[in-house]
Protein backbone atom coordinates (compact mmCIF):
# COMPACT_ATOMS: atom_id res chain seq x y z
CA MET A 1 39.30 134.80 150.82
CA ALA A 2 41.34 136.79 147.86
CA SER A 3 44.85 137.60 148.38
CA GLY A 4 47.04 139.89 146.12
CA ASN A 5 49.20 136.70 145.24
CA THR A 6 48.24 134.57 142.18
CA LEU A 7 48.90 130.93 141.77
CA GLU A 8 50.74 130.42 138.60
CA ILE A 9 50.31 126.90 136.67
CA PRO A 10 53.19 125.80 134.37
CA SER A 11 51.90 125.61 131.01
CA GLN A 12 53.37 123.13 128.30
CA HIS A 13 54.52 126.04 126.13
CA GLN A 14 56.02 128.16 128.65
CA ALA A 15 59.63 128.30 128.47
CA PRO A 16 61.73 126.35 130.99
CA PRO A 17 63.70 128.60 133.35
CA GLU A 18 67.16 129.99 131.92
CA GLY A 19 69.89 127.60 131.74
CA GLU A 20 67.80 124.22 131.97
CA PRO A 21 67.41 122.17 128.62
CA ARG A 22 64.07 122.30 126.64
CA ARG A 23 62.61 119.11 125.65
CA ARG A 24 63.47 120.11 122.00
CA ASP A 25 66.99 120.56 122.94
CA PHE A 26 66.91 116.88 123.88
CA LEU A 27 65.35 115.71 120.81
CA SER A 28 67.83 117.17 118.55
CA ILE A 29 70.58 115.72 120.51
CA ALA A 30 69.20 112.43 120.36
CA ALA A 31 68.52 112.56 116.74
CA VAL A 32 72.12 113.77 115.80
CA SER A 33 73.56 111.11 118.15
CA ALA A 34 71.56 108.45 116.21
CA ALA A 35 72.27 109.79 112.72
CA GLY A 36 76.00 109.91 113.77
CA VAL A 37 75.89 105.91 115.02
CA GLY A 38 74.24 105.08 111.77
CA ALA A 39 76.95 106.77 109.68
CA ILE A 40 79.62 104.98 111.71
CA ALA A 41 77.59 101.69 110.98
CA ILE A 42 77.68 102.39 107.32
CA VAL A 43 81.48 103.72 106.88
CA VAL A 44 83.17 101.25 109.18
CA PRO A 45 82.70 98.23 106.88
CA LEU A 46 83.33 100.55 103.78
CA VAL A 47 86.78 101.64 104.85
CA ASN A 48 87.46 98.01 106.38
CA GLN A 49 86.90 96.48 102.86
CA MET A 50 89.62 98.30 101.56
CA ASN A 51 92.32 96.61 103.94
CA PRO A 52 94.43 93.94 102.41
CA SER A 53 92.94 90.44 102.41
CA ALA A 54 94.31 87.47 104.54
CA ASP A 55 96.12 86.17 101.28
CA VAL A 56 97.90 89.69 100.58
CA LEU A 57 98.84 89.93 104.03
CA ALA A 58 100.45 86.15 104.19
CA GLN A 59 102.33 87.41 101.28
CA ALA A 60 103.74 90.50 102.99
CA THR A 61 107.27 88.78 103.18
CA THR A 62 108.94 86.21 100.79
CA GLU A 63 111.99 84.23 101.95
CA VAL A 64 114.37 83.53 99.18
CA ASP A 65 117.05 80.70 99.32
CA LEU A 66 120.17 81.99 97.36
CA SER A 67 122.12 78.99 97.88
CA LYS A 68 120.88 77.26 94.87
CA ILE A 69 121.62 80.26 92.64
CA GLU A 70 124.92 80.04 90.96
CA ALA A 71 126.64 83.10 89.60
CA GLY A 72 125.36 84.04 86.22
CA GLN A 73 122.15 82.56 87.15
CA GLY A 74 118.64 84.31 88.13
CA VAL A 75 115.30 83.29 89.42
CA THR A 76 111.92 84.62 89.24
CA VAL A 77 109.93 84.10 92.38
CA PHE A 78 106.56 86.07 93.28
CA PHE A 79 106.39 88.53 95.69
CA ARG A 80 102.69 90.28 96.39
CA LYS A 81 101.74 88.46 93.31
CA GLN A 82 104.08 90.10 91.20
CA PRO A 83 107.30 88.82 89.62
CA LEU A 84 110.46 89.39 91.80
CA PHE A 85 113.83 88.69 89.96
CA VAL A 86 116.85 87.67 92.06
CA ARG A 87 120.21 87.25 90.23
CA ASN A 88 123.59 86.40 91.10
CA LEU A 89 125.61 88.34 89.11
CA THR A 90 128.98 87.28 87.57
CA PRO A 91 132.48 89.40 88.02
CA VAL A 92 131.91 90.44 84.33
CA GLU A 93 128.37 91.66 84.92
CA ILE A 94 129.42 93.78 87.90
CA ALA A 95 132.37 95.17 85.93
CA ALA A 96 129.75 96.02 83.03
CA ALA A 97 127.69 97.74 85.19
CA ASP A 98 130.63 99.76 87.52
CA LYS A 99 132.06 100.84 84.06
CA VAL A 100 128.43 102.76 83.43
CA ASP A 101 128.84 106.81 84.19
CA VAL A 102 126.07 107.17 86.44
CA LYS A 103 125.57 110.93 85.48
CA THR A 104 124.67 109.68 81.83
CA LEU A 105 121.68 107.57 83.06
CA ARG A 106 118.07 108.67 83.26
CA ASP A 107 117.96 107.28 86.76
CA PRO A 108 121.04 107.28 88.15
CA GLU A 109 121.65 104.62 90.76
CA THR A 110 125.27 102.87 91.38
CA LEU A 111 125.41 98.86 91.66
CA ALA A 112 126.26 99.12 95.01
CA GLN A 113 122.94 101.47 95.58
CA ARG A 114 120.85 98.97 94.01
CA THR A 115 122.58 96.07 95.43
CA ARG A 116 122.54 97.08 99.33
CA GLY A 117 126.41 96.44 99.50
CA GLN A 118 126.42 93.12 98.33
CA LYS A 119 127.12 93.63 94.50
CA ASN A 120 126.80 90.00 93.34
CA TRP A 121 122.85 89.82 94.41
CA LEU A 122 120.75 91.79 92.19
CA VAL A 123 117.10 91.71 93.71
CA THR A 124 114.57 93.85 91.51
CA MET A 125 110.67 93.63 91.00
CA GLY A 126 110.22 92.41 87.52
CA VAL A 127 107.79 95.00 86.59
CA CYS A 128 108.52 97.43 83.74
CA THR A 129 108.29 100.84 84.89
CA HIS A 130 106.95 102.22 81.60
CA LEU A 131 103.21 100.30 81.51
CA GLY A 132 103.65 97.33 83.83
CA CYS A 133 104.79 94.43 81.53
CA VAL A 134 107.33 91.85 82.63
CA PRO A 135 110.50 92.30 81.05
CA GLN A 136 112.55 89.43 79.89
CA GLY A 137 115.85 88.59 81.74
CA ILE A 138 119.05 86.80 81.21
CA VAL A 139 118.64 83.27 80.28
CA SER A 140 121.25 80.67 80.15
CA GLY A 141 124.07 82.98 79.60
CA GLU A 142 122.14 84.85 76.58
CA SER A 143 121.41 88.48 77.58
CA ARG A 144 118.33 90.28 76.48
CA GLY A 145 118.78 93.65 74.66
CA GLU A 146 121.88 95.83 73.87
CA PHE A 147 123.02 96.21 77.34
CA GLY A 148 123.23 92.73 78.82
CA GLY A 149 120.35 93.07 81.26
CA TYR A 150 116.44 93.04 80.76
CA PHE A 151 114.47 93.90 77.86
CA CYS A 152 110.47 94.85 77.74
CA PRO A 153 109.58 93.70 74.37
CA CYS A 154 106.14 95.25 74.40
CA HIS A 155 107.69 98.74 74.15
CA GLY A 156 111.39 98.27 73.89
CA SER A 157 112.66 99.57 77.34
CA GLN A 158 116.03 98.13 77.89
CA TYR A 159 117.83 97.73 80.86
CA ASP A 160 121.58 97.02 82.00
CA THR A 161 123.30 94.35 84.19
CA ALA A 162 122.16 96.36 87.46
CA ALA A 163 118.44 96.39 85.90
CA ARG A 164 119.16 100.11 85.25
CA ILE A 165 117.00 101.88 82.20
CA ARG A 166 119.18 102.66 79.47
CA LYS A 167 117.03 102.80 76.48
CA GLY A 168 113.27 102.94 75.83
CA PRO A 169 110.25 104.49 77.32
CA ALA A 170 110.66 103.57 80.71
CA PRO A 171 111.20 106.53 82.98
CA LYS A 172 112.62 104.64 85.80
CA ASN A 173 115.25 101.71 86.69
CA LEU A 174 113.44 98.49 87.79
CA MET A 175 112.44 98.67 91.35
CA VAL A 176 114.34 97.37 94.06
CA PRO A 177 112.18 96.38 97.13
CA ASP A 178 112.91 96.17 100.89
CA TYR A 179 114.86 93.24 101.53
CA THR A 180 117.37 92.14 104.03
CA PHE A 181 119.94 89.30 104.29
CA THR A 182 118.53 87.06 107.40
CA SER A 183 121.47 84.97 106.84
CA ALA A 184 124.40 84.55 104.26
CA THR A 185 122.23 82.28 101.79
CA THR A 186 118.63 83.60 102.54
CA ILE A 187 117.04 87.23 101.97
CA SER A 188 113.52 88.47 103.39
CA VAL A 189 111.87 90.59 100.81
CA GLY A 190 109.35 92.87 102.29
CA THR A 191 108.42 94.00 105.94
CA LYS A 192 107.13 92.16 108.75
CA ALA A 193 103.37 92.80 109.45
C-alpha cells in the first residue's frame, strides 16, 4: 500500500538539525585543545628555567654583624654573588660628606639619604655603575682617589666618602641595596623571599 508520506533515511553527508554540533566541529575543538595542552607542556618548563636557582634564593638576604667593624674600617661581604661594601664612617668622613653641596653632584643624594639615618654606617654594592668593575675602597686609613672614598682603576671613576660619584665616567653613585637594622649591631641586606 503506498501512501503519500515517504520515509527519509538520514545520510552521513546530511547536515544535522539547526543548533546541534557537527562531527567536524567536535574534531576541530579536540585538535585545538590538544595543541593548547602541548604548547603549555612546552612553555612551562622554558619559563620555569628562568626562575632563580636554589643557591641564588638562599642568598636573597645576607646578615652582616657590625659589632666587629670599628670606626674607619670597612668590610666586603658577598650579597647575591656581588661584593657588598659595609663601612663604619669616622666623624671626619661624615663631615667631609656633609660638606659637599648636593646640587653640584651628578647623582645628587645626601649622606643621610644613603645611610638611611644611621650616618656612620654606609652600605653599598661594590660594583661600579660604569661597566660593573669592582672599585677599590679605603684600606687601613689610606684613601683611594681624590675624594677620600672609592676609586675604580679600570676607567677612573672616583667616589667620595659617601660612595657618590664625583669624577669619571660612572653615571650614578654606588648603589645602596635594601637593608634594615635588625638590631643595634646587625643589618639584614635584601628582602625575605
